[in-house]
Protein backbone atom coordinates (compact mmCIF):
# COMPACT_ATOMS: atom_id res chain seq x y z
CA UNK A 1 131.10 111.87 96.10
CA UNK A 2 130.00 108.79 95.61
CA UNK A 3 132.28 105.95 94.20
CA UNK A 4 130.15 104.54 90.51
CA UNK A 5 130.22 100.86 90.90
CA UNK A 6 128.78 98.69 87.11
CA UNK A 7 125.95 97.62 87.20
CA UNK A 8 124.22 94.85 84.87
CA UNK A 9 120.81 95.60 83.53
CA UNK A 10 118.16 93.66 81.51
CA UNK A 11 115.89 96.08 78.98
CA UNK A 12 113.54 95.14 76.86
CA UNK A 13 115.59 92.48 75.87
CA UNK A 14 118.72 94.09 75.62
CA UNK A 15 121.33 93.99 78.15
CA UNK A 16 123.08 97.18 79.43
CA UNK A 17 126.45 97.79 81.33
CA UNK A 18 125.76 100.44 83.47
CA UNK A 19 127.65 103.02 86.40
CA UNK A 20 125.72 104.18 89.69
CA UNK A 21 126.41 104.83 93.01
CA UNK A 22 125.53 102.07 95.62
CA UNK A 23 122.65 103.98 96.89
CA UNK A 24 120.77 104.85 93.41
CA UNK A 25 121.33 101.47 92.41
CA UNK A 26 118.22 99.54 93.84
CA UNK A 27 116.38 102.53 92.48
CA UNK A 28 117.92 102.39 88.63
CA UNK A 29 116.89 98.04 88.90
CA UNK A 30 113.85 99.14 90.38
CA UNK A 31 113.25 101.39 86.97
CA UNK A 32 114.03 98.73 84.15
CA UNK A 33 111.99 96.21 86.22
CA UNK A 34 108.90 98.91 85.90
CA UNK A 35 109.93 99.60 82.19
CA UNK A 36 109.60 95.93 81.55
CA UNK A 37 106.57 95.16 82.98
CA UNK A 38 104.57 98.00 81.94
CA UNK A 39 106.15 97.08 77.43
CA UNK A 40 105.25 93.57 78.66
CA UNK A 41 101.72 94.33 79.54
CA UNK A 42 101.79 96.98 76.24
CA UNK A 43 102.64 93.76 74.67
CA UNK A 44 99.95 91.90 75.67
CA UNK A 45 97.42 94.20 74.46
CA UNK A 46 98.57 94.72 71.12
CA UNK A 47 100.53 91.76 70.20
CA UNK A 48 101.29 92.59 67.03
CA UNK A 49 102.40 96.36 67.03
CA UNK A 50 106.28 97.24 66.27
CA UNK A 51 107.93 96.79 68.91
CA UNK A 52 109.05 100.58 68.54
CA UNK A 53 105.90 101.98 68.74
CA UNK A 54 105.29 99.75 71.57
CA UNK A 55 108.11 102.06 73.31
CA UNK A 56 107.00 105.02 72.33
CA UNK A 57 103.48 104.00 73.69
CA UNK A 58 104.93 103.00 76.89
CA UNK A 59 107.34 105.92 77.22
CA UNK A 60 104.67 108.81 76.50
CA UNK A 61 102.64 107.30 79.39
CA UNK A 62 105.17 107.28 81.56
CA UNK A 63 106.01 110.71 81.09
CA UNK A 64 102.12 111.42 81.13
CA UNK A 65 102.85 109.68 84.50
CA UNK A 66 106.19 111.74 85.81
CA UNK A 67 103.98 115.40 83.97
CA UNK A 68 100.94 114.69 86.68
CA UNK A 69 102.98 114.15 89.60
CA UNK A 70 104.91 116.89 88.84
CA UNK A 71 101.47 119.14 88.86
CA UNK A 72 100.77 117.53 91.90
CA UNK A 73 103.97 118.94 93.74
CA UNK A 74 103.51 121.91 92.81
CA UNK A 75 99.76 122.20 93.85
CA UNK A 76 101.29 120.29 97.25
CA UNK A 77 104.08 123.18 96.73
CA UNK A 78 101.50 126.29 96.51
CA UNK A 79 99.54 124.93 99.10
CA UNK A 80 102.31 124.42 101.61
CA UNK A 81 103.04 127.99 100.57
CA UNK A 82 99.32 129.25 101.31
CA UNK A 83 99.52 127.24 104.32
CA UNK A 84 102.63 129.44 106.03
CA UNK A 85 101.49 132.82 104.84
CA UNK A 86 97.68 131.92 106.94
CA UNK A 87 99.96 130.58 109.65
CA UNK A 88 101.91 133.94 109.41
CA UNK A 89 99.42 136.08 110.01
CA UNK A 90 97.72 134.49 112.21
CA UNK A 91 100.99 134.19 114.75
CA UNK A 92 101.39 138.55 113.50
CA UNK A 93 97.06 138.70 114.82
CA UNK A 94 98.32 136.79 118.68
């Protein structure tokens, strides 16, 4: 099991001290960076909107991305299973 290390992140104007592993630290930092960038993009498009509503909009858009990627992965896995079945059938014929 990897040793936990502390990481300081600044997310949406707030400081967070979290624990992670050395190998996951870059991913966590990148996630915070992407969240900040997405929030800033929304803030530029709707400068008068309440921050809490902006955060909800960002979360919804990011969850849509996650669901879309999950669907793509499931479709890929389905195609991979079909291809394996076809290959097995071809091997049996030869």
